[in-house]
Amino acid sequence: MFTVMAYVWLIIGGLLEPTWILAMKKSNSFRDRKWAAIAAVLIVASPYFLSLSMSEGIPVGTAYAVWTGIGAIGAIVLGALLYKESVEKRCMFFVFLIIIGAVGLGLGGV
């Protein structure tokens, strides 16, 4: 059995996932030390929160699927908003499938 905090940790970890990707992009291949340091901290923090969610009882497969789903969706959304990257309808369809899958895993208790 898992607690509400398990999902809080999982969501925090998932939201940190695209932030380290953006920090890594801003670091200019780790040449900008400030952004490289931010990316390094976030690279450690994101899976740390994933591990907390699993220690609270979320099964490994469910936690990882939801964590990567949040990260993938976050990266797509932030890329579109911050860098004006195009998002095709086909891409949005598959993002929708990721959301459905993550919700299904969460509700199904897998």
Protein backbone atom coordinates (compact mmCIF):
# COMPACT_ATOMS: atom_id res chain seq x y z
CA MET A 1 0.00 0.00 0.00
CA PHE A 2 1.23 3.49 -0.76
CA THR A 3 0.52 6.90 0.69
CA VAL A 4 -0.49 10.20 -0.87
CA MET A 5 3.09 11.35 -0.26
CA ALA A 6 4.27 8.63 -2.64
CA TYR A 7 2.48 10.38 -5.49
CA VAL A 8 3.66 13.79 -4.28
CA TRP A 9 7.28 12.57 -4.46
CA LEU A 10 6.62 11.00 -7.85
CA ILE A 11 5.12 14.19 -9.28
CA ILE A 12 7.97 16.32 -7.91
CA GLY A 13 10.52 13.93 -9.43
CA GLY A 14 8.64 13.91 -12.72
CA LEU A 15 8.50 17.70 -12.86
CA LEU A 16 12.23 17.93 -12.15
CA GLU A 17 12.93 15.65 -15.11
CA PRO A 18 12.29 18.22 -17.89
CA THR A 19 13.87 20.99 -15.81
CA TRP A 20 17.27 19.30 -15.83
CA ILE A 21 16.94 18.78 -19.57
CA LEU A 22 16.29 22.50 -20.03
CA ALA A 23 19.17 23.38 -17.70
CA MET A 24 21.43 21.09 -19.70
CA LYS A 25 20.39 22.85 -22.92
CA LYS A 26 21.08 26.24 -21.31
CA SER A 27 24.50 24.99 -20.16
CA ASN A 28 25.71 24.93 -23.77
CA SER A 29 27.13 21.40 -23.54
CA PHE A 30 28.17 22.07 -19.92
CA ARG A 31 30.33 25.08 -20.90
CA ASP A 32 28.25 27.50 -18.83
CA ARG A 33 29.18 26.43 -15.30
CA LYS A 34 26.15 27.97 -13.60
CA TRP A 35 23.68 26.07 -15.78
CA ALA A 36 25.85 22.95 -15.69
CA ALA A 37 25.74 23.00 -11.88
CA ILE A 38 21.97 23.49 -11.90
CA ALA A 39 21.60 20.59 -14.34
CA ALA A 40 23.82 18.36 -12.19
CA VAL A 41 21.78 19.05 -9.06
CA LEU A 42 18.52 18.41 -10.88
CA ILE A 43 19.90 15.23 -12.49
CA VAL A 44 20.43 13.86 -8.98
CA ALA A 45 17.25 15.31 -7.44
CA SER A 46 14.81 13.91 -9.99
CA PRO A 47 15.61 10.21 -9.48
CA TYR A 48 15.96 10.84 -5.73
CA PHE A 49 12.28 11.81 -5.60
CA LEU A 50 11.46 8.82 -7.80
CA SER A 51 13.18 6.60 -5.23
CA LEU A 52 11.19 8.21 -2.41
CA SER A 53 7.95 7.38 -4.22
CA MET A 54 9.01 3.76 -4.58
CA SER A 55 10.03 3.57 -0.91
CA GLU A 56 6.49 4.74 -0.08
CA GLY A 57 5.05 1.74 -1.92
CA ILE A 58 4.51 2.65 -5.57
CA PRO A 59 5.61 -0.35 -7.66
CA VAL A 60 8.80 0.15 -9.67
CA GLY A 61 7.17 -0.23 -13.09
CA THR A 62 4.35 2.16 -12.30
CA ALA A 63 6.65 4.74 -10.73
CA TYR A 64 9.10 4.66 -13.63
CA ALA A 65 6.38 4.84 -16.29
CA VAL A 66 4.67 7.80 -14.64
CA TRP A 67 8.02 9.55 -13.93
CA THR A 68 9.23 9.25 -17.51
CA GLY A 69 5.78 10.17 -18.83
CA ILE A 70 5.73 13.40 -16.82
CA GLY A 71 9.28 14.12 -18.00
CA ALA A 72 8.51 13.47 -21.65
CA ILE A 73 5.34 15.53 -21.64
CA GLY A 74 7.07 18.31 -19.72
CA ALA A 75 9.96 18.40 -22.17
CA ILE A 76 7.59 18.61 -25.14
CA VAL A 77 5.48 21.35 -23.56
CA LEU A 78 8.45 23.39 -22.34
CA GLY A 79 10.24 23.00 -25.67
CA ALA A 80 7.18 24.34 -27.45
CA LEU A 81 6.69 27.21 -25.01
CA LEU A 82 10.28 28.30 -24.47
CA TYR A 83 11.96 27.40 -27.75
CA LYS A 84 8.98 27.62 -30.12
CA GLU A 85 9.53 24.01 -31.19
CA SER A 86 6.71 22.76 -33.35
CA VAL A 87 4.38 20.08 -32.02
CA GLU A 88 2.48 18.19 -34.68
CA LYS A 89 -0.99 16.74 -34.20
CA ARG A 90 0.50 13.26 -34.41
CA CYS A 91 2.85 14.11 -31.54
CA MET A 92 -0.04 15.40 -29.45
CA PHE A 93 -1.92 12.15 -30.05
CA PHE A 94 0.96 10.14 -28.65
CA VAL A 95 1.35 12.53 -25.70
CA PHE A 96 -2.32 11.88 -25.00
CA LEU A 97 -1.60 8.13 -25.04
CA ILE A 98 1.23 8.65 -22.53
CA ILE A 99 -1.18 10.48 -20.22
CA ILE A 100 -3.82 7.75 -20.59
CA GLY A 101 -1.22 5.08 -19.89
CA ALA A 102 0.17 6.83 -16.81
CA VAL A 103 -3.30 7.43 -15.39
CA GLY A 104 -4.24 3.84 -16.12
CA LEU A 105 -1.18 2.52 -14.33
CA GLY A 106 -1.90 4.74 -11.36
CA LEU A 107 -5.53 3.69 -11.13
CA GLY A 108 -4.82 0.06 -11.85
CA GLY A 109 -2.26 -0.23 -9.09
CA VAL A 110 0.19 -2.05 -11.35
